[in-house]
Amino acid sequence: MPNAPQTRSTTSKSSDPGLTKEGRARMTVEDGVTLLMRDHRTVEDLFKAYEDAKSNARRKAEIYRTIASELRVHMQLEEEIFYPASREFVDEQDTVNEAEVEHASAKDLMAQLDGMSPDDPYYDAKVKVLQEMIDHHVEEEESEYFPEVRRSAMDLKAVGDQMATRKSELTGQTEKAPRAH
């Protein structure tokens, strides 16, 4: 995004006739880093709920599906919008490269989990490893990457608006996906 504006976007949020009032309100609330950090808290809470489900395999499977859905949307937002937009504003490109590699590893593990039964003896272990991977990823982003981006000239508000719009599209696709009977 070398030619992206470095000031707050003045584009009208209400020009999209398909965007609900709630969607427009959500778009105007957060900058990109805040939106991503909110997602981090949501996933942390879901992992805690998974741990609290103890031996209830059905409940654990439901919670894992929600975790996976949240992570897939979050990673797509970062990969499509946040990482490309922030690359020019971070000193160490390895920071972004490592984040992308961490995403790939998490996706691999989620693909394994997606094909497993919650009764599988390795199911809980794989969810725990996924949690540890995500905890590590979040710690690096929040302690190193995000502060550097916040100190930069990157237009976090415009990026946040883009991500909020894309998130609405992605979660709308998820909600409208046909269900198996």
Protein backbone atom coordinates (compact mmCIF):
# COMPACT_ATOMS: atom_id res chain seq x y z
CA MET A 1 0.00 0.00 0.00
CA PRO A 2 2.74 2.50 -0.83
CA ASN A 3 0.25 5.01 -2.25
CA ALA A 4 -2.30 4.60 0.54
CA PRO A 5 -3.32 7.81 2.30
CA GLN A 6 -1.69 8.39 5.66
CA THR A 7 -4.58 10.42 7.04
CA ARG A 8 -8.01 9.44 8.23
CA SER A 9 -10.29 8.26 5.46
CA THR A 10 -13.24 10.53 4.74
CA THR A 11 -15.11 7.96 2.67
CA SER A 12 -18.76 7.76 3.61
CA LYS A 13 -19.52 4.60 5.57
CA SER A 14 -23.20 4.71 4.61
CA SER A 15 -22.65 4.55 0.85
CA ASP A 16 -22.93 0.73 0.87
CA PRO A 17 -26.66 -0.02 0.67
CA GLY A 18 -26.09 -3.61 1.83
CA LEU A 19 -24.45 -2.55 5.08
CA THR A 20 -26.68 -2.59 8.13
CA LYS A 21 -26.79 0.19 10.70
CA GLU A 22 -25.01 -2.15 13.14
CA GLY A 23 -22.33 -2.87 10.53
CA ARG A 24 -21.74 0.84 9.92
CA ALA A 25 -21.52 1.50 13.66
CA ARG A 26 -19.02 -1.33 14.11
CA MET A 27 -16.92 0.05 11.23
CA THR A 28 -16.55 3.45 12.85
CA VAL A 29 -15.58 2.26 16.33
CA GLU A 30 -12.17 0.62 16.13
CA ASP A 31 -8.77 1.04 14.61
CA GLY A 32 -7.18 -2.05 13.08
CA VAL A 33 -5.05 -2.99 16.08
CA THR A 34 -7.98 -2.65 18.48
CA LEU A 35 -10.16 -4.86 16.28
CA LEU A 36 -7.47 -7.55 16.18
CA MET A 37 -6.87 -7.36 19.93
CA ARG A 38 -10.61 -7.74 20.55
CA ASP A 39 -10.51 -10.90 18.44
CA HIS A 40 -7.58 -12.12 20.55
CA ARG A 41 -9.62 -11.73 23.75
CA THR A 42 -12.58 -13.55 22.18
CA VAL A 43 -10.41 -16.54 21.25
CA GLU A 44 -8.74 -16.56 24.68
CA ASP A 45 -12.21 -16.73 26.27
CA LEU A 46 -13.19 -19.58 23.96
CA PHE A 47 -10.10 -21.59 24.85
CA LYS A 48 -10.96 -21.07 28.53
CA ALA A 49 -14.51 -22.30 27.87
CA TYR A 50 -13.04 -25.35 26.14
CA GLU A 51 -10.96 -26.13 29.24
CA ASP A 52 -14.02 -25.62 31.45
CA ALA A 53 -16.03 -28.13 29.38
CA LYS A 54 -13.88 -30.88 30.96
CA SER A 55 -15.15 -34.28 29.72
CA ASN A 56 -18.23 -33.06 27.81
CA ALA A 57 -17.10 -34.13 24.32
CA ARG A 58 -20.13 -32.67 22.51
CA ARG A 59 -19.68 -29.27 24.17
CA LYS A 60 -15.93 -29.30 23.50
CA ALA A 61 -16.56 -30.03 19.82
CA GLU A 62 -19.00 -27.08 19.62
CA ILE A 63 -16.51 -24.76 21.29
CA TYR A 64 -13.65 -25.95 19.07
CA ARG A 65 -15.77 -25.26 15.96
CA THR A 66 -16.34 -21.72 17.22
CA ILE A 67 -12.63 -21.29 17.98
CA ALA A 68 -11.72 -22.50 14.49
CA SER A 69 -14.28 -20.22 12.86
CA GLU A 70 -13.07 -17.18 14.82
CA LEU A 71 -9.43 -17.97 14.05
CA ARG A 72 -10.04 -18.49 10.33
CA VAL A 73 -11.79 -15.13 9.99
CA HIS A 74 -9.16 -13.39 12.11
CA MET A 75 -6.26 -14.88 10.15
CA GLN A 76 -7.89 -13.99 6.85
CA LEU A 77 -8.27 -10.37 7.98
CA GLU A 78 -4.63 -10.21 8.98
CA GLU A 79 -3.38 -11.92 5.82
CA GLU A 80 -5.57 -10.02 3.34
CA ILE A 81 -5.51 -6.57 4.93
CA PHE A 82 -3.43 -5.94 8.05
CA TYR A 83 -0.15 -7.64 7.18
CA PRO A 84 0.10 -6.21 3.64
CA ALA A 85 -0.86 -2.72 4.87
CA SER A 86 1.63 -2.79 7.75
CA ARG A 87 4.64 -4.26 5.93
CA GLU A 88 5.99 -0.88 4.88
CA PHE A 89 5.70 0.42 8.45
CA VAL A 90 7.64 -2.27 10.31
CA ASP A 91 11.42 -2.30 10.48
CA GLU A 92 11.80 -6.07 10.59
CA GLN A 93 10.01 -7.89 7.78
CA ASP A 94 10.73 -11.10 9.70
CA THR A 95 8.03 -10.00 12.14
CA VAL A 96 5.35 -10.25 9.45
CA ASN A 97 6.91 -13.33 7.88
CA GLU A 98 6.92 -15.16 11.22
CA ALA A 99 3.29 -14.22 11.83
CA GLU A 100 2.35 -15.68 8.45
CA VAL A 101 4.27 -18.90 9.18
CA GLU A 102 2.51 -19.16 12.55
CA HIS A 103 -0.82 -18.85 10.74
CA ALA A 104 0.13 -21.66 8.36
CA SER A 105 1.05 -23.91 11.28
CA ALA A 106 -2.20 -23.15 13.09
CA LYS A 107 -4.20 -23.85 9.92
CA ASP A 108 -2.46 -27.22 9.54
CA LEU A 109 -3.35 -28.18 13.09
CA MET A 110 -6.95 -26.99 12.64
CA ALA A 111 -7.24 -29.10 9.48
CA GLN A 112 -6.20 -32.13 11.54
CA LEU A 113 -8.72 -31.28 14.26
CA ASP A 114 -11.51 -30.72 11.75
CA GLY A 115 -11.26 -34.35 10.70
CA MET A 116 -11.16 -35.76 14.24
CA SER A 117 -13.76 -36.87 16.72
CA PRO A 118 -13.65 -35.14 20.11
CA ASP A 119 -13.43 -38.64 21.58
CA ASP A 120 -10.09 -39.22 19.84
CA PRO A 121 -7.35 -39.56 22.48
CA TYR A 122 -5.29 -36.86 20.70
CA TYR A 123 -8.13 -34.32 20.28
CA ASP A 124 -7.57 -32.48 23.58
CA ALA A 125 -3.80 -32.54 23.09
CA LYS A 126 -4.12 -30.95 19.65
CA VAL A 127 -6.51 -28.28 20.92
CA LYS A 128 -4.04 -27.54 23.73
CA VAL A 129 -1.13 -27.23 21.28
CA LEU A 130 -3.27 -24.95 19.09
CA GLN A 131 -3.98 -22.81 22.15
CA GLU A 132 -0.28 -22.61 22.98
CA MET A 133 0.56 -21.66 19.38
CA ILE A 134 -2.09 -18.95 19.38
CA ASP A 135 -0.99 -17.66 22.81
CA HIS A 136 2.57 -17.34 21.49
CA HIS A 137 1.37 -15.61 18.32
CA VAL A 138 -0.80 -13.15 20.29
CA GLU A 139 2.02 -12.38 22.73
CA GLU A 140 4.42 -11.51 19.90
CA GLU A 141 1.86 -9.41 18.06
CA GLU A 142 0.75 -7.49 21.14
CA SER A 143 4.19 -6.94 22.68
CA GLU A 144 6.24 -6.23 19.53
CA TYR A 145 4.33 -5.94 16.27
CA PHE A 146 1.28 -3.90 17.26
CA PRO A 147 3.21 -1.29 19.29
CA GLU A 148 5.54 -0.74 16.33
CA VAL A 149 2.60 -0.32 13.98
CA ARG A 150 0.87 2.08 16.41
CA ARG A 151 4.00 4.26 16.49
CA SER A 152 4.08 4.41 12.69
CA ALA A 153 2.27 6.64 10.21
CA MET A 154 -0.04 3.80 9.19
CA ASP A 155 -3.69 4.84 8.99
CA LEU A 156 -5.04 2.37 11.53
CA LYS A 157 -8.55 3.80 11.33
CA ALA A 158 -8.80 3.19 7.57
CA VAL A 159 -7.35 -0.31 7.98
CA GLY A 160 -9.80 -0.97 10.82
CA ASP A 161 -12.69 0.12 8.62
CA GLN A 162 -11.50 -2.21 5.85
CA MET A 163 -11.16 -5.09 8.28
CA ALA A 164 -14.58 -4.48 9.87
CA THR A 165 -16.21 -4.51 6.43
CA ARG A 166 -14.37 -7.67 5.41
CA LYS A 167 -15.16 -9.33 8.73
CA SER A 168 -18.87 -8.64 8.19
CA GLU A 169 -18.61 -10.19 4.74
CA LEU A 170 -16.77 -13.26 6.04
CA THR A 171 -19.04 -13.84 9.02
CA GLY A 172 -22.07 -13.31 6.81
CA GLN A 173 -20.75 -16.01 4.49
CA THR A 174 -20.27 -18.28 7.50
CA GLU A 175 -23.79 -17.65 8.78
CA LYS A 176 -25.34 -18.21 5.35
CA ALA A 177 -23.39 -21.41 4.61
CA PRO A 178 -25.71 -24.35 3.98
CA ARG A 179 -26.04 -26.69 6.91
CA ALA A 180 -25.91 -30.47 6.59
CA HIS A 181 -29.12 -32.21 7.62
